Amino acid sequence: MLHTRPLGPDAPAVSAIGYGGMHLSITDRPVESDAIRVIHAALDHGVTLFDTADVYCLDQTEIGHNERLFAKAFASWSGARNGVIVATKAGMIRPDGRWDRDGRPAHIAQACERSLAALGTDVIDLYQFHAPDSKVPFAESIGAFQRLQEAGKVRFVGISNVTVAQIDEARAIVPIVSVQNRLNPFFREAVETGVVAHCARHGIGFLAYSPVGGGRLNRKLPSHPAAVALGERHGATPHQIVLAWVRAQGPTVIPIPSARTVQHAMDSMHAAALKLTADELGAIDRAEFSRD
């Protein structure tokens, strides 16, 4: 069983490392049977927080692909789903495969109905606003989530890709359980701008997406001097070292790494109990993680 951390105010504890499903549904995704095996492996290992979104798909013609995949995986899993939290999102669209924002309340309400159907549930565990839309007042978008919660269609509300000021604006409208922003040694803006610390002060879960860099940056880690040296010391992979560093950035931080294979998923899960000393964390802090 994995270590746990509170998801957020008045919310249950979840596994200290979650699983992000995006890469099971976008370009270079595995075949469905392999994708389901990855989800089952995470469940078997004690993961209780699964992150998805209606727009995790190739384009607008298959909205809900990742949500339907999770629903199928949960339905075919032999274990009990007690305590498993599924977090999905609304507020983006995928015309011609682009990632565009749509924070209109009408879109969010419609997206919620589609996600409920795709997930095969009457209530979404954690519904997150995917990203602020500059064309729509932030408060109007958040108000849509507040109304969905009042209607009993959403259990908890979260926000994503936000600033400290937007967190406070949202909290004035509806209780916010979680914030999902990017955090890894290559991109530390969530720490540098105070978002991680703000979440910690208010007990809000910080869901760290792309915790090992994402895309090509992730592939830099196996040869990164600082991560390799610490990995040899702990008998861990460089990716596990980086996940331990991410978790250590705050008491409410929960990394949600993605994985296309069972092997990579298990590598991430084994980082849940790994703790780095202050000196080791400092070594990562001081090391250069080039984006070039």
Protein backbone atom coordinates (compact mmCIF):
# COMPACT_ATOMS: atom_id res chain seq x y z
CA MET A 1 0.00 0.00 0.00
CA LEU A 2 1.32 3.44 -0.90
CA HIS A 3 1.88 6.24 1.59
CA THR A 4 -0.98 8.75 1.60
CA ARG A 5 -1.52 12.49 1.73
CA PRO A 6 -4.75 14.47 2.22
CA LEU A 7 -6.29 15.45 -1.09
CA GLY A 8 -7.44 18.75 0.39
CA PRO A 9 -9.77 20.42 2.92
CA ASP A 10 -12.51 18.01 4.06
CA ALA A 11 -11.41 15.56 1.36
CA PRO A 12 -10.11 12.01 1.90
CA ALA A 13 -6.48 10.97 1.91
CA VAL A 14 -5.17 9.60 -1.38
CA SER A 15 -1.99 7.85 -2.46
CA ALA A 16 1.07 10.10 -2.13
CA ILE A 17 1.69 9.59 -5.83
CA GLY A 18 -1.23 9.55 -8.24
CA TYR A 19 -1.48 8.56 -11.87
CA GLY A 20 -2.13 10.90 -14.81
CA GLY A 21 -3.84 9.25 -17.75
CA MET A 22 -3.15 11.75 -20.55
CA HIS A 23 -0.52 9.71 -22.40
CA LEU A 24 -2.87 6.76 -22.71
CA SER A 25 -5.07 8.77 -25.07
CA ILE A 26 -2.95 11.23 -27.06
CA THR A 27 -0.42 10.75 -29.89
CA ASP A 28 1.69 7.57 -29.56
CA ARG A 29 -0.82 6.07 -27.14
CA PRO A 30 -0.72 2.32 -26.47
CA VAL A 31 -3.39 -0.03 -27.71
CA GLU A 32 -6.41 -0.17 -25.41
CA SER A 33 -5.59 -3.54 -23.84
CA ASP A 34 -2.10 -2.34 -22.86
CA ALA A 35 -3.50 0.93 -21.54
CA ILE A 36 -5.93 -0.94 -19.32
CA ARG A 37 -3.07 -3.07 -18.01
CA VAL A 38 -1.26 0.11 -16.97
CA ILE A 39 -4.31 1.35 -15.05
CA HIS A 40 -4.80 -2.06 -13.42
CA ALA A 41 -1.14 -2.14 -12.36
CA ALA A 42 -1.52 1.27 -10.69
CA LEU A 43 -4.67 0.09 -8.91
CA ASP A 44 -2.98 -3.12 -7.80
CA HIS A 45 -0.10 -1.09 -6.36
CA GLY A 46 -2.43 1.05 -4.24
CA VAL A 47 -2.86 4.19 -6.32
CA THR A 48 -6.10 5.91 -5.29
CA LEU A 49 -5.89 9.18 -7.25
CA PHE A 50 -6.37 9.04 -11.02
CA ASP A 51 -6.32 12.21 -13.11
CA THR A 52 -8.02 12.49 -16.48
CA ALA A 53 -9.78 15.10 -18.63
CA ASP A 54 -12.40 15.18 -21.33
CA VAL A 55 -9.80 16.55 -23.78
CA TYR A 56 -7.28 13.76 -23.31
CA CYS A 57 -7.81 12.45 -26.82
CA LEU A 58 -6.53 13.02 -30.35
CA ASP A 59 -9.03 15.71 -31.33
CA GLN A 60 -12.58 16.96 -30.82
CA THR A 61 -14.10 13.93 -32.55
CA GLU A 62 -13.18 11.63 -29.64
CA ILE A 63 -13.76 13.86 -26.60
CA GLY A 64 -13.93 11.69 -23.47
CA HIS A 65 -11.57 8.99 -24.80
CA ASN A 66 -9.45 8.90 -21.62
CA GLU A 67 -12.48 9.03 -19.33
CA ARG A 68 -14.08 6.09 -21.13
CA LEU A 69 -10.80 4.21 -20.92
CA PHE A 70 -10.67 4.68 -17.15
CA ALA A 71 -14.30 3.58 -16.83
CA LYS A 72 -13.57 0.41 -18.77
CA ALA A 73 -10.43 -0.30 -16.71
CA PHE A 74 -12.24 0.18 -13.40
CA ALA A 75 -15.13 -2.03 -14.52
CA SER A 76 -12.77 -4.86 -15.47
CA TRP A 77 -10.52 -4.62 -12.40
CA SER A 78 -10.89 -7.48 -9.92
CA GLY A 79 -10.38 -5.34 -6.81
CA ALA A 80 -12.71 -3.09 -4.83
CA ARG A 81 -12.79 0.55 -5.89
CA ASN A 82 -13.36 1.84 -2.36
CA GLY A 83 -11.38 5.02 -1.76
CA VAL A 84 -10.39 5.56 -5.40
CA ILE A 85 -10.77 9.19 -6.50
CA VAL A 86 -11.11 10.07 -10.18
CA ALA A 87 -10.32 13.67 -11.05
CA THR A 88 -11.40 15.02 -14.41
CA LYS A 89 -11.51 18.50 -15.95
CA ALA A 90 -13.48 20.91 -18.10
CA GLY A 91 -12.57 24.16 -19.79
CA MET A 92 -10.69 23.13 -22.93
CA ILE A 93 -11.56 21.91 -26.42
CA ARG A 94 -9.59 20.09 -29.17
CA PRO A 95 -10.60 21.46 -32.59
CA ASP A 96 -8.35 19.90 -35.24
CA GLY A 97 -6.19 18.56 -32.42
CA ARG A 98 -5.37 22.00 -30.96
CA TRP A 99 -5.51 22.70 -27.23
CA ASP A 100 -7.88 25.69 -26.99
CA ARG A 101 -9.55 27.13 -23.89
CA ASP A 102 -13.30 27.44 -23.39
CA GLY A 103 -14.28 28.68 -19.95
CA ARG A 104 -17.88 29.58 -20.79
CA PRO A 105 -20.28 28.35 -18.09
CA ALA A 106 -22.49 26.78 -20.76
CA HIS A 107 -19.56 24.78 -22.09
CA ILE A 108 -18.56 23.64 -18.58
CA ALA A 109 -22.12 22.50 -17.81
CA GLN A 110 -22.30 20.57 -21.08
CA ALA A 111 -18.84 19.07 -20.53
CA CYS A 112 -19.91 17.86 -17.09
CA GLU A 113 -22.82 15.91 -18.56
CA ARG A 114 -20.52 14.28 -21.12
CA SER A 115 -17.95 13.40 -18.46
CA LEU A 116 -20.58 11.86 -16.18
CA ALA A 117 -21.66 9.64 -19.08
CA ALA A 118 -18.10 8.79 -20.12
CA LEU A 119 -17.08 7.85 -16.59
CA GLY A 120 -20.32 5.94 -16.01
CA THR A 121 -21.10 7.74 -12.77
CA ASP A 122 -23.71 10.04 -11.22
CA VAL A 123 -21.16 12.18 -9.38
CA ILE A 124 -17.67 13.31 -10.41
CA ASP A 125 -15.26 12.87 -7.49
CA LEU A 126 -13.06 15.88 -8.29
CA TYR A 127 -13.98 18.29 -11.09
CA GLN A 128 -11.26 20.72 -12.08
CA PHE A 129 -11.28 23.89 -14.17
CA HIS A 130 -8.61 22.98 -16.72
CA ALA A 131 -7.24 26.48 -17.36
CA PRO A 132 -8.42 30.09 -17.11
CA ASP A 133 -9.87 31.48 -20.33
CA SER A 134 -8.90 35.10 -21.06
CA LYS A 135 -12.15 35.53 -23.01
CA VAL A 136 -14.34 34.69 -20.00
CA PRO A 137 -14.22 36.30 -16.53
CA PHE A 138 -12.58 33.80 -14.19
CA ALA A 139 -15.35 34.19 -11.61
CA GLU A 140 -17.97 33.25 -14.20
CA SER A 141 -16.15 30.02 -15.03
CA ILE A 142 -15.73 29.12 -11.36
CA GLY A 143 -19.39 29.90 -10.74
CA ALA A 144 -20.29 27.11 -13.15
CA PHE A 145 -18.39 24.63 -10.98
CA GLN A 146 -20.07 25.98 -7.86
CA ARG A 147 -23.49 25.38 -9.41
CA LEU A 148 -22.53 21.86 -10.48
CA GLN A 149 -21.47 21.09 -6.92
CA GLU A 150 -24.72 22.51 -5.56
CA ALA A 151 -26.62 20.32 -8.01
CA GLY A 152 -24.88 17.23 -6.61
CA LYS A 153 -23.05 16.41 -9.83
CA VAL A 154 -19.62 17.19 -8.42
CA ARG A 155 -18.22 16.13 -5.04
CA PHE A 156 -15.12 18.34 -4.89
CA VAL A 157 -13.87 21.25 -7.00
CA GLY A 158 -10.30 21.89 -8.12
CA ILE A 159 -8.55 24.40 -10.38
CA SER A 160 -5.55 24.11 -12.66
CA ASN A 161 -2.89 26.32 -14.23
CA VAL A 162 -3.62 29.16 -11.84
CA THR A 163 -1.92 31.91 -9.83
CA VAL A 164 -2.14 32.66 -6.10
CA ALA A 165 -4.60 35.47 -6.84
CA GLN A 166 -6.81 33.14 -8.86
CA ILE A 167 -6.76 30.56 -6.08
CA ASP A 168 -8.09 33.17 -3.66
CA GLU A 169 -10.67 34.41 -6.15
CA ALA A 170 -11.94 30.86 -6.67
CA ARG A 171 -12.01 30.10 -2.93
CA ALA A 172 -14.32 33.09 -2.41
CA ILE A 173 -16.85 31.41 -4.72
CA VAL A 174 -16.62 27.68 -3.94
CA PRO A 175 -14.48 25.49 -1.63
CA ILE A 176 -11.33 24.54 -3.54
CA VAL A 177 -9.84 21.16 -2.67
CA SER A 178 -6.93 21.03 -5.11
CA VAL A 179 -4.72 23.01 -7.46
CA GLN A 180 -3.08 21.29 -10.41
CA ASN A 181 -0.05 23.12 -11.84
CA ARG A 182 3.17 22.01 -13.47
CA LEU A 183 6.13 21.30 -11.18
CA ASN A 184 9.45 19.63 -11.90
CA PRO A 185 13.14 20.63 -11.67
CA PHE A 186 12.99 22.04 -15.21
CA PHE A 187 9.96 24.23 -14.44
CA ARG A 188 9.81 25.52 -10.86
CA GLU A 189 7.42 28.44 -11.31
CA ALA A 190 4.84 26.89 -8.97
CA VAL A 191 7.39 27.15 -6.16
CA GLU A 192 8.92 30.45 -7.26
CA THR A 193 5.55 32.25 -7.52
CA GLY A 194 4.33 30.96 -4.14
CA VAL A 195 1.55 28.70 -5.41
CA VAL A 196 2.89 25.59 -3.66
CA ALA A 197 3.38 27.45 -0.37
CA HIS A 198 -0.08 29.04 -0.63
CA CYS A 199 -1.65 25.61 -1.09
CA ALA A 200 0.26 24.31 1.92
CA ARG A 201 -0.95 27.19 4.12
CA HIS A 202 -4.56 26.41 3.27
CA GLY A 203 -4.29 22.62 3.22
CA ILE A 204 -5.08 22.53 -0.49
CA GLY A 205 -3.74 19.54 -2.38
CA PHE A 206 -1.17 20.53 -5.01
CA LEU A 207 -1.34 18.05 -7.88
CA ALA A 208 1.98 18.31 -9.70
CA TYR A 209 1.60 17.50 -13.38
CA SER A 210 4.60 16.71 -15.62
CA PRO A 211 6.58 15.96 -12.42
CA VAL A 212 9.52 14.42 -14.28
CA GLY A 213 9.63 17.02 -17.03
CA GLY A 214 7.26 15.74 -19.67
CA GLY A 215 8.12 14.87 -23.27
CA ARG A 216 11.76 15.24 -24.29
CA LEU A 217 12.81 16.69 -20.91
CA ASN A 218 11.83 13.44 -19.21
CA ARG A 219 14.35 11.68 -21.44
CA LYS A 220 17.17 13.84 -20.08
CA LEU A 221 16.91 12.39 -16.57
CA PRO A 222 18.66 9.01 -17.08
CA SER A 223 21.88 10.89 -17.82
CA HIS A 224 21.48 13.83 -15.46
CA PRO A 225 24.54 13.88 -13.13
CA ALA A 226 22.77 14.94 -9.93
CA ALA A 227 19.79 12.60 -10.39
CA VAL A 228 22.03 9.67 -11.35
CA ALA A 229 24.36 10.18 -8.36
CA LEU A 230 21.48 10.31 -5.88
CA GLY A 231 19.82 7.35 -7.57
CA GLU A 232 22.95 5.26 -7.08
CA ARG A 233 23.04 6.26 -3.41
CA HIS A 234 19.41 5.24 -2.83
CA GLY A 235 19.19 2.32 -5.23
CA ALA A 236 16.62 4.31 -7.17
CA THR A 237 16.14 5.50 -10.72
CA PRO A 238 16.73 9.17 -11.64
CA HIS A 239 12.99 9.50 -12.24
CA GLN A 240 12.25 8.30 -8.70
CA ILE A 241 14.75 10.82 -7.31
CA VAL A 242 13.01 13.65 -9.15
CA LEU A 243 9.58 12.51 -7.96
CA ALA A 244 10.90 12.48 -4.37
CA TRP A 245 12.19 16.04 -4.90
CA VAL A 246 8.78 17.14 -6.21
CA ARG A 247 6.96 15.61 -3.22
CA ALA A 248 9.36 17.36 -0.85
CA GLN A 249 8.47 20.83 -2.18
CA GLY A 250 5.45 20.98 0.11
CA PRO A 251 3.39 18.88 2.54
CA THR A 252 0.37 18.91 0.24
CA VAL A 253 2.21 18.13 -3.02
CA ILE A 254 1.02 14.98 -4.82
CA PRO A 255 2.83 14.18 -8.09
CA ILE A 256 0.63 12.71 -10.83
CA PRO A 257 3.09 11.19 -13.32
CA SER A 258 1.79 9.65 -16.50
CA ALA A 259 3.05 6.43 -18.08
CA ARG A 260 2.37 4.44 -21.23
CA THR A 261 3.78 1.16 -19.89
CA VAL A 262 3.41 -0.89 -16.73
CA GLN A 263 7.16 -0.69 -16.15
CA HIS A 264 7.19 3.10 -16.18
CA ALA A 265 4.08 3.30 -14.01
CA MET A 266 5.65 1.04 -11.39
CA ASP A 267 8.89 3.01 -11.46
CA SER A 268 6.89 6.08 -10.44
CA MET A 269 4.91 4.30 -7.73
CA HIS A 270 8.07 3.03 -6.06
CA ALA A 271 9.05 6.64 -5.39
CA ALA A 272 6.20 7.14 -2.91
CA ALA A 273 8.29 6.07 0.10
CA LEU A 274 11.58 7.62 -1.04
CA LYS A 275 12.79 10.51 1.12
CA LEU A 276 15.75 12.74 0.34
CA THR A 277 17.79 14.53 3.00
CA ALA A 278 18.01 18.31 3.11
CA ASP A 279 21.47 18.11 1.54
CA GLU A 280 20.19 15.85 -1.23
CA LEU A 281 17.27 18.15 -1.93
CA GLY A 282 19.73 21.03 -2.05
CA ALA A 283 21.80 19.15 -4.63
CA ILE A 284 18.77 19.00 -6.91
CA ASP A 285 17.93 22.64 -6.14
CA ARG A 286 21.38 23.77 -7.20
CA ALA A 287 21.77 21.51 -10.22
CA GLU A 288 21.14 22.83 -13.71
CA PHE A 289 18.19 21.22 -15.46
CA SER A 290 18.53 22.62 -18.96
CA ARG A 291 15.45 22.82 -21.18
CA ASP A 292 17.62 22.93 -24.32
